[in-house]
Amino acid sequence: MNKRKIYILIIAILLGSFIVIEGRSFDIVNNIILRDSKSDVFKEIKVLKEGNQNLMDEIKDLEATLSSLSDKDLAVKTIQNEIEKYNKLSGEYAVYGSGVSISVSGKITAPWMVDLINELFHAGAQAVSINSIRITNESSGFDTLPKGQIYIDGTILSPPYVFNAIGEAITLNNALSAIGGIFDRIRATFGGVSIVLEQKDVMEIN
C-alpha cells in the first residue's frame, strides 16, 4: 500500500470517528427532549457536559494525528475544519458570523430553555448564549430557584430572555419557526409568551 493510500485510510477512520461521536452526542440530546417541568436540568446538562469532555479528548487525538501528517490535501483540510467547528462549541474563543437573536418575553421554565438551546445546536449553531452567558461544555446547567427564578453559572436570569446563536441564519430561523416546532410548542405551553426572532448579518459571542 503506497503512502497516499495510507493517508486516505487514516483520514477515513478519523472522519468515521467524528460521525460516531456526533451521533452519540445527538442521542444524548434526544433523550432529554421530552420532560416534565420538575426534571433536574442540572443532571441533564451534566450528561451533555460529560459527552462534550469525551469529544474534547477525541479532538486532542485528532490534532496529534494531524501534526504527524505531511500531505496537506483536501481530506486533511476537512479534518481541520471539523476540529475548528468543535473548538467553537467548546467555547475556547470568541465566535463571529451571521446568526439569529431571539427575544422571549414572558415566563418560561428552565427545561424549555434547555430545549430551545438544543434545537439551536441541532440546527447547526456554532455558538449559543442566553442573556450574554455563553453555553459551553463548562456550563454548570440551568436550575429553578424557590421563587421561580432561573439560575445558570452563578447568574439569575430575568426576562426578556435573549438567545443569540451564530450559524446559518435562514437555517436556524426555519428550524425554530417550523409548524409544530419549538416556538409553537413554547407558545402553546405558556400563554401570553412573546417570541421575536431577528436575523443578523454579523454577531459576536464571547
C-alpha atoms as a PDB file:
ATOM      1  CA  MET A   1       0.000   0.000   0.000  1.00  0.00           C
ATOM      2  CA  ASN A   2       1.579   3.336  -1.074  1.00  0.00           C
ATOM      3  CA  LYS A   3       1.920   6.408   1.149  1.00  0.00           C
ATOM      4  CA  ARG A   4      -1.118   8.252  -0.277  1.00  0.00           C
ATOM      5  CA  LYS A   5      -3.430   5.258   0.228  1.00  0.00           C
ATOM      6  CA  ILE A   6      -2.280   5.008   3.856  1.00  0.00           C
ATOM      7  CA  TYR A   7      -3.152   8.689   4.406  1.00  0.00           C
ATOM      8  CA  ILE A   8      -6.570   8.218   2.844  1.00  0.00           C
ATOM      9  CA  LEU A   9      -7.251   5.202   5.073  1.00  0.00           C
ATOM     10  CA  ILE A  10      -6.221   7.123   8.211  1.00  0.00           C
ATOM     11  CA  ILE A  11      -8.412  10.085   7.252  1.00  0.00           C
ATOM     12  CA  ALA A  12     -11.409   7.837   6.551  1.00  0.00           C
ATOM     13  CA  ILE A  13     -11.052   6.268  10.001  1.00  0.00           C
ATOM     14  CA  LEU A  14     -10.819   9.692  11.657  1.00  0.00           C
ATOM     15  CA  LEU A  15     -13.877  11.016   9.836  1.00  0.00           C
ATOM     16  CA  GLY A  16     -15.750   7.882  10.816  1.00  0.00           C
ATOM     17  CA  SER A  17     -14.916   8.511  14.469  1.00  0.00           C
ATOM     18  CA  PHE A  18     -16.347  12.018  14.220  1.00  0.00           C
ATOM     19  CA  ILE A  19     -19.612  10.646  12.845  1.00  0.00           C
ATOM     20  CA  VAL A  20     -19.884   8.153  15.701  1.00  0.00           C
ATOM     21  CA  ILE A  21     -19.060  10.815  18.312  1.00  0.00           C
ATOM     22  CA  GLU A  22     -21.569  13.296  16.911  1.00  0.00           C
ATOM     23  CA  GLY A  23     -24.212  10.576  16.727  1.00  0.00           C
ATOM     24  CA  ARG A  24     -23.665   9.766  20.406  1.00  0.00           C
ATOM     25  CA  SER A  25     -23.988  13.459  21.269  1.00  0.00           C
ATOM     26  CA  PHE A  26     -27.283  13.741  19.372  1.00  0.00           C
ATOM     27  CA  ASP A  27     -28.589  10.609  21.111  1.00  0.00           C
ATOM     28  CA  ILE A  28     -27.905  12.255  24.461  1.00  0.00           C
ATOM     29  CA  VAL A  29     -29.794  15.373  23.413  1.00  0.00           C
ATOM     30  CA  ASN A  30     -32.734  13.383  22.035  1.00  0.00           C
ATOM     31  CA  ASN A  31     -33.062  11.529  25.322  1.00  0.00           C
ATOM     32  CA  ILE A  32     -33.778  14.766  27.212  1.00  0.00           C
ATOM     33  CA  ILE A  33     -36.160  16.483  24.786  1.00  0.00           C
ATOM     34  CA  LEU A  34     -39.269  15.015  26.464  1.00  0.00           C
ATOM     35  CA  ARG A  35     -39.531  16.079  30.069  1.00  0.00           C
ATOM     36  CA  ASP A  36     -41.818  17.319  32.797  1.00  0.00           C
ATOM     37  CA  SER A  37     -41.485  20.702  34.452  1.00  0.00           C
ATOM     38  CA  LYS A  38     -39.901  19.214  37.591  1.00  0.00           C
ATOM     39  CA  SER A  39     -36.984  17.495  35.870  1.00  0.00           C
ATOM     40  CA  ASP A  40     -33.478  18.047  37.209  1.00  0.00           C
ATOM     41  CA  VAL A  41     -31.921  20.148  34.470  1.00  0.00           C
ATOM     42  CA  PHE A  42     -28.553  20.206  36.213  1.00  0.00           C
ATOM     43  CA  LYS A  43     -28.325  16.439  35.725  1.00  0.00           C
ATOM     44  CA  GLU A  44     -29.232  16.802  32.046  1.00  0.00           C
ATOM     45  CA  ILE A  45     -26.559  19.422  31.478  1.00  0.00           C
ATOM     46  CA  LYS A  46     -24.076  17.215  33.340  1.00  0.00           C
ATOM     47  CA  VAL A  47     -24.773  14.406  30.868  1.00  0.00           C
ATOM     48  CA  LEU A  48     -24.135  16.774  27.973  1.00  0.00           C
ATOM     49  CA  LYS A  49     -21.002  18.094  29.673  1.00  0.00           C
ATOM     50  CA  GLU A  50     -19.582  14.583  30.128  1.00  0.00           C
ATOM     51  CA  GLY A  51     -20.308  13.839  26.481  1.00  0.00           C
ATOM     52  CA  ASN A  52     -18.521  17.030  25.464  1.00  0.00           C
ATOM     53  CA  GLN A  53     -15.469  16.104  27.565  1.00  0.00           C
ATOM     54  CA  ASN A  54     -15.200  12.835  25.628  1.00  0.00           C
ATOM     55  CA  LEU A  55     -15.462  14.884  22.458  1.00  0.00           C
ATOM     56  CA  MET A  56     -12.618  17.166  23.549  1.00  0.00           C
ATOM     57  CA  ASP A  57     -10.429  14.121  24.201  1.00  0.00           C
ATOM     58  CA  GLU A  58     -11.129  12.930  20.667  1.00  0.00           C
ATOM     59  CA  ILE A  59     -10.216  16.381  19.298  1.00  0.00           C
ATOM     60  CA  LYS A  60      -6.829  16.200  21.025  1.00  0.00           C
ATOM     61  CA  ASP A  61      -6.208  12.793  19.448  1.00  0.00           C
ATOM     62  CA  LEU A  62      -7.111  14.149  16.012  1.00  0.00           C
ATOM     63  CA  GLU A  63      -4.831  17.154  16.437  1.00  0.00           C
ATOM     64  CA  ALA A  64      -1.961  14.876  17.396  1.00  0.00           C
ATOM     65  CA  THR A  65      -2.584  12.736  14.302  1.00  0.00           C
ATOM     66  CA  LEU A  66      -2.771  15.783  12.031  1.00  0.00           C
ATOM     67  CA  SER A  67       0.589  17.036  13.275  1.00  0.00           C
ATOM     68  CA  SER A  68       2.182  13.820  12.035  1.00  0.00           C
ATOM     69  CA  LEU A  69       0.751  14.121   8.517  1.00  0.00           C
ATOM     70  CA  SER A  70       2.649  15.945   5.781  1.00  0.00           C
ATOM     71  CA  ASP A  71       0.136  15.519   2.944  1.00  0.00           C
ATOM     72  CA  LYS A  72      -1.942  18.762   3.080  1.00  0.00           C
ATOM     73  CA  ASP A  73      -4.669  17.681   0.655  1.00  0.00           C
ATOM     74  CA  LEU A  74      -8.413  18.341   0.757  1.00  0.00           C
ATOM     75  CA  ALA A  75      -9.089  15.480   3.173  1.00  0.00           C
ATOM     76  CA  VAL A  76      -6.700  16.924   5.753  1.00  0.00           C
ATOM     77  CA  LYS A  77      -8.351  20.330   5.323  1.00  0.00           C
ATOM     78  CA  THR A  78     -11.715  18.702   6.016  1.00  0.00           C
ATOM     79  CA  ILE A  79     -10.473  17.319   9.329  1.00  0.00           C
ATOM     80  CA  GLN A  80      -9.035  20.726  10.252  1.00  0.00           C
ATOM     81  CA  ASN A  81     -12.444  22.265   9.608  1.00  0.00           C
ATOM     82  CA  GLU A  82     -14.074  19.682  11.877  1.00  0.00           C
ATOM     83  CA  ILE A  83     -11.613  20.439  14.676  1.00  0.00           C
ATOM     84  CA  GLU A  84     -12.326  24.160  14.302  1.00  0.00           C
ATOM     85  CA  LYS A  85     -16.079  23.515  14.492  1.00  0.00           C
ATOM     86  CA  TYR A  86     -15.807  21.547  17.737  1.00  0.00           C
ATOM     87  CA  ASN A  87     -13.422  24.076  19.247  1.00  0.00           C
ATOM     88  CA  LYS A  88     -16.105  26.718  18.658  1.00  0.00           C
ATOM     89  CA  LEU A  89     -18.622  24.569  20.512  1.00  0.00           C
ATOM     90  CA  SER A  90     -16.186  24.223  23.402  1.00  0.00           C
ATOM     91  CA  GLY A  91     -16.111  27.988  23.994  1.00  0.00           C
ATOM     92  CA  GLU A  92     -12.338  28.279  23.721  1.00  0.00           C
ATOM     93  CA  TYR A  93     -12.503  31.612  21.889  1.00  0.00           C
ATOM     94  CA  ALA A  94     -14.920  34.228  20.565  1.00  0.00           C
ATOM     95  CA  VAL A  95     -17.036  33.338  17.538  1.00  0.00           C
ATOM     96  CA  TYR A  96     -18.101  35.792  14.829  1.00  0.00           C
ATOM     97  CA  GLY A  97     -20.569  35.433  11.992  1.00  0.00           C
ATOM     98  CA  SER A  98     -24.171  35.626  10.909  1.00  0.00           C
ATOM     99  CA  GLY A  99     -26.910  34.232  13.097  1.00  0.00           C
ATOM    100  CA  VAL A 100     -30.141  34.939  14.931  1.00  0.00           C
ATOM    101  CA  SER A 101     -31.201  36.812  18.054  1.00  0.00           C
ATOM    102  CA  ILE A 102     -34.320  35.516  19.817  1.00  0.00           C
ATOM    103  CA  SER A 103     -36.136  37.532  22.457  1.00  0.00           C
ATOM    104  CA  VAL A 104     -38.559  35.618  24.686  1.00  0.00           C
ATOM    105  CA  SER A 105     -40.790  37.891  26.770  1.00  0.00           C
ATOM    106  CA  GLY A 106     -42.816  36.239  29.486  1.00  0.00           C
ATOM    107  CA  LYS A 107     -42.392  33.381  31.914  1.00  0.00           C
ATOM    108  CA  ILE A 108     -40.963  30.076  30.653  1.00  0.00           C
ATOM    109  CA  THR A 109     -39.297  27.318  32.648  1.00  0.00           C
ATOM    110  CA  ALA A 110     -35.700  26.074  32.646  1.00  0.00           C
ATOM    111  CA  PRO A 111     -36.415  22.790  30.819  1.00  0.00           C
ATOM    112  CA  TRP A 112     -37.853  24.735  27.883  1.00  0.00           C
ATOM    113  CA  MET A 113     -34.726  26.887  27.762  1.00  0.00           C
ATOM    114  CA  VAL A 114     -32.681  23.702  27.503  1.00  0.00           C
ATOM    115  CA  ASP A 115     -34.939  22.502  24.680  1.00  0.00           C
ATOM    116  CA  LEU A 116     -34.547  25.776  22.771  1.00  0.00           C
ATOM    117  CA  ILE A 117     -30.758  25.709  23.136  1.00  0.00           C
ATOM    118  CA  ASN A 118     -30.664  22.093  21.971  1.00  0.00           C
ATOM    119  CA  GLU A 119     -32.789  22.999  18.937  1.00  0.00           C
ATOM    120  CA  LEU A 120     -30.300  25.725  18.034  1.00  0.00           C
ATOM    121  CA  PHE A 121     -27.348  23.332  18.192  1.00  0.00           C
ATOM    122  CA  HIS A 122     -29.313  20.691  16.252  1.00  0.00           C
ATOM    123  CA  ALA A 123     -29.917  23.281  13.522  1.00  0.00           C
ATOM    124  CA  GLY A 124     -26.192  23.941  13.192  1.00  0.00           C
ATOM    125  CA  ALA A 125     -25.444  26.777  15.608  1.00  0.00           C
ATOM    126  CA  GLN A 126     -21.714  27.127  16.246  1.00  0.00           C
ATOM    127  CA  ALA A 127     -22.166  29.085  19.467  1.00  0.00           C
ATOM    128  CA  VAL A 128     -25.149  29.979  21.669  1.00  0.00           C
ATOM    129  CA  SER A 129     -25.633  32.422  24.534  1.00  0.00           C
ATOM    130  CA  ILE A 130     -28.537  33.436  26.770  1.00  0.00           C
ATOM    131  CA  ASN A 131     -28.581  36.936  28.240  1.00  0.00           C
ATOM    132  CA  SER A 132     -24.891  37.220  27.245  1.00  0.00           C
ATOM    133  CA  ILE A 133     -23.918  33.978  29.044  1.00  0.00           C
ATOM    134  CA  ARG A 134     -22.313  31.575  26.566  1.00  0.00           C
ATOM    135  CA  ILE A 135     -23.348  27.926  26.695  1.00  0.00           C
ATOM    136  CA  THR A 136     -20.305  25.630  26.571  1.00  0.00           C
ATOM    137  CA  ASN A 137     -19.159  22.290  27.932  1.00  0.00           C
ATOM    138  CA  GLU A 138     -18.137  24.222  31.063  1.00  0.00           C
ATOM    139  CA  SER A 139     -21.685  25.482  31.741  1.00  0.00           C
ATOM    140  CA  SER A 140     -22.990  24.174  35.057  1.00  0.00           C
ATOM    141  CA  GLY A 141     -26.594  23.961  33.864  1.00  0.00           C
ATOM    142  CA  PHE A 142     -29.942  25.608  34.497  1.00  0.00           C
ATOM    143  CA  ASP A 143     -31.910  25.373  37.716  1.00  0.00           C
ATOM    144  CA  THR A 144     -35.090  26.873  39.136  1.00  0.00           C
ATOM    145  CA  LEU A 145     -34.817  28.703  42.450  1.00  0.00           C
ATOM    146  CA  PRO A 146     -37.558  28.595  45.148  1.00  0.00           C
ATOM    147  CA  LYS A 147     -39.113  31.869  43.926  1.00  0.00           C
ATOM    148  CA  GLY A 148     -39.212  30.670  40.337  1.00  0.00           C
ATOM    149  CA  GLN A 149     -36.120  32.482  39.051  1.00  0.00           C
ATOM    150  CA  ILE A 150     -33.936  30.658  36.541  1.00  0.00           C
ATOM    151  CA  TYR A 151     -30.276  30.308  37.518  1.00  0.00           C
ATOM    152  CA  ILE A 152     -27.199  29.453  35.425  1.00  0.00           C
ATOM    153  CA  ASP A 153     -23.458  29.751  36.042  1.00  0.00           C
ATOM    154  CA  GLY A 154     -23.880  31.943  39.127  1.00  0.00           C
ATOM    155  CA  THR A 155     -26.365  34.310  37.467  1.00  0.00           C
ATOM    156  CA  ILE A 156     -30.108  34.712  37.938  1.00  0.00           C
ATOM    157  CA  LEU A 157     -31.761  35.283  34.566  1.00  0.00           C
ATOM    158  CA  SER A 158     -34.506  37.852  34.126  1.00  0.00           C
ATOM    159  CA  PRO A 159     -36.899  38.245  31.204  1.00  0.00           C
ATOM    160  CA  PRO A 160     -36.791  39.092  28.427  1.00  0.00           C
ATOM    161  CA  TYR A 161     -34.580  36.089  27.741  1.00  0.00           C
ATOM    162  CA  VAL A 162     -32.331  36.838  24.771  1.00  0.00           C
ATOM    163  CA  PHE A 163     -30.849  33.827  22.973  1.00  0.00           C
ATOM    164  CA  ASN A 164     -28.082  34.630  20.478  1.00  0.00           C
ATOM    165  CA  ALA A 165     -26.852  31.942  18.100  1.00  0.00           C
ATOM    166  CA  ILE A 166     -24.190  32.082  15.400  1.00  0.00           C
ATOM    167  CA  GLY A 167     -24.823  29.947  12.347  1.00  0.00           C
ATOM    168  CA  GLU A 168     -26.675  29.964   9.047  1.00  0.00           C
ATOM    169  CA  ALA A 169     -29.433  32.459   9.863  1.00  0.00           C
ATOM    170  CA  ILE A 170     -32.032  31.152   7.411  1.00  0.00           C
ATOM    171  CA  THR A 171     -31.498  27.547   8.504  1.00  0.00           C
ATOM    172  CA  LEU A 172     -31.807  28.448  12.185  1.00  0.00           C
ATOM    173  CA  ASN A 173     -34.923  30.527  11.521  1.00  0.00           C
ATOM    174  CA  ASN A 174     -36.613  27.757   9.544  1.00  0.00           C
ATOM    175  CA  ALA A 175     -35.835  25.109  12.158  1.00  0.00           C
ATOM    176  CA  LEU A 176     -37.206  27.127  15.072  1.00  0.00           C
ATOM    177  CA  SER A 177     -40.216  28.611  13.261  1.00  0.00           C
ATOM    178  CA  ALA A 178     -41.435  25.393  11.633  1.00  0.00           C
ATOM    179  CA  ILE A 179     -45.054  24.392  12.202  1.00  0.00           C
ATOM    180  CA  GLY A 180     -45.111  22.329  15.389  1.00  0.00           C
ATOM    181  CA  GLY A 181     -41.546  23.395  16.138  1.00  0.00           C
ATOM    182  CA  ILE A 182     -40.054  24.697  19.355  1.00  0.00           C
ATOM    183  CA  PHE A 183     -41.607  28.168  19.034  1.00  0.00           C
ATOM    184  CA  ASP A 184     -45.098  26.732  18.542  1.00  0.00           C
ATOM    185  CA  ARG A 185     -44.640  24.356  21.477  1.00  0.00           C
ATOM    186  CA  ILE A 186     -43.488  27.136  23.815  1.00  0.00           C
ATOM    187  CA  ARG A 187     -46.405  29.370  22.828  1.00  0.00           C
ATOM    188  CA  ALA A 188     -48.846  26.510  23.325  1.00  0.00           C
ATOM    189  CA  THR A 189     -47.445  25.736  26.777  1.00  0.00           C
ATOM    190  CA  PHE A 190     -47.076  29.280  28.102  1.00  0.00           C
ATOM    191  CA  GLY A 191     -49.952  31.562  27.198  1.00  0.00           C
ATOM    192  CA  GLY A 192     -49.018  35.173  26.567  1.00  0.00           C
ATOM    193  CA  VAL A 193     -45.366  34.500  25.813  1.00  0.00           C
ATOM    194  CA  SER A 194     -43.956  36.649  23.004  1.00  0.00           C
ATOM    195  CA  ILE A 195     -41.139  35.282  20.822  1.00  0.00           C
ATOM    196  CA  VAL A 196     -39.375  37.568  18.350  1.00  0.00           C
ATOM    197  CA  LEU A 197     -36.564  36.298  16.086  1.00  0.00           C
ATOM    198  CA  GLU A 198     -34.243  38.657  14.234  1.00  0.00           C
ATOM    199  CA  GLN A 199     -31.708  37.521  11.658  1.00  0.00           C
ATOM    200  CA  LYS A 200     -28.279  39.164  11.954  1.00  0.00           C
ATOM    201  CA  ASP A 201     -25.589  39.566   9.310  1.00  0.00           C
ATOM    202  CA  VAL A 202     -22.806  39.933  11.883  1.00  0.00           C
ATOM    203  CA  MET A 203     -22.763  38.793  15.512  1.00  0.00           C
ATOM    204  CA  GLU A 204     -20.180  38.069  18.188  1.00  0.00           C
ATOM    205  CA  ILE A 205     -20.405  35.586  21.057  1.00  0.00           C
ATOM    206  CA  ASN A 206     -17.591  35.614  23.607  1.00  0.00           C
END
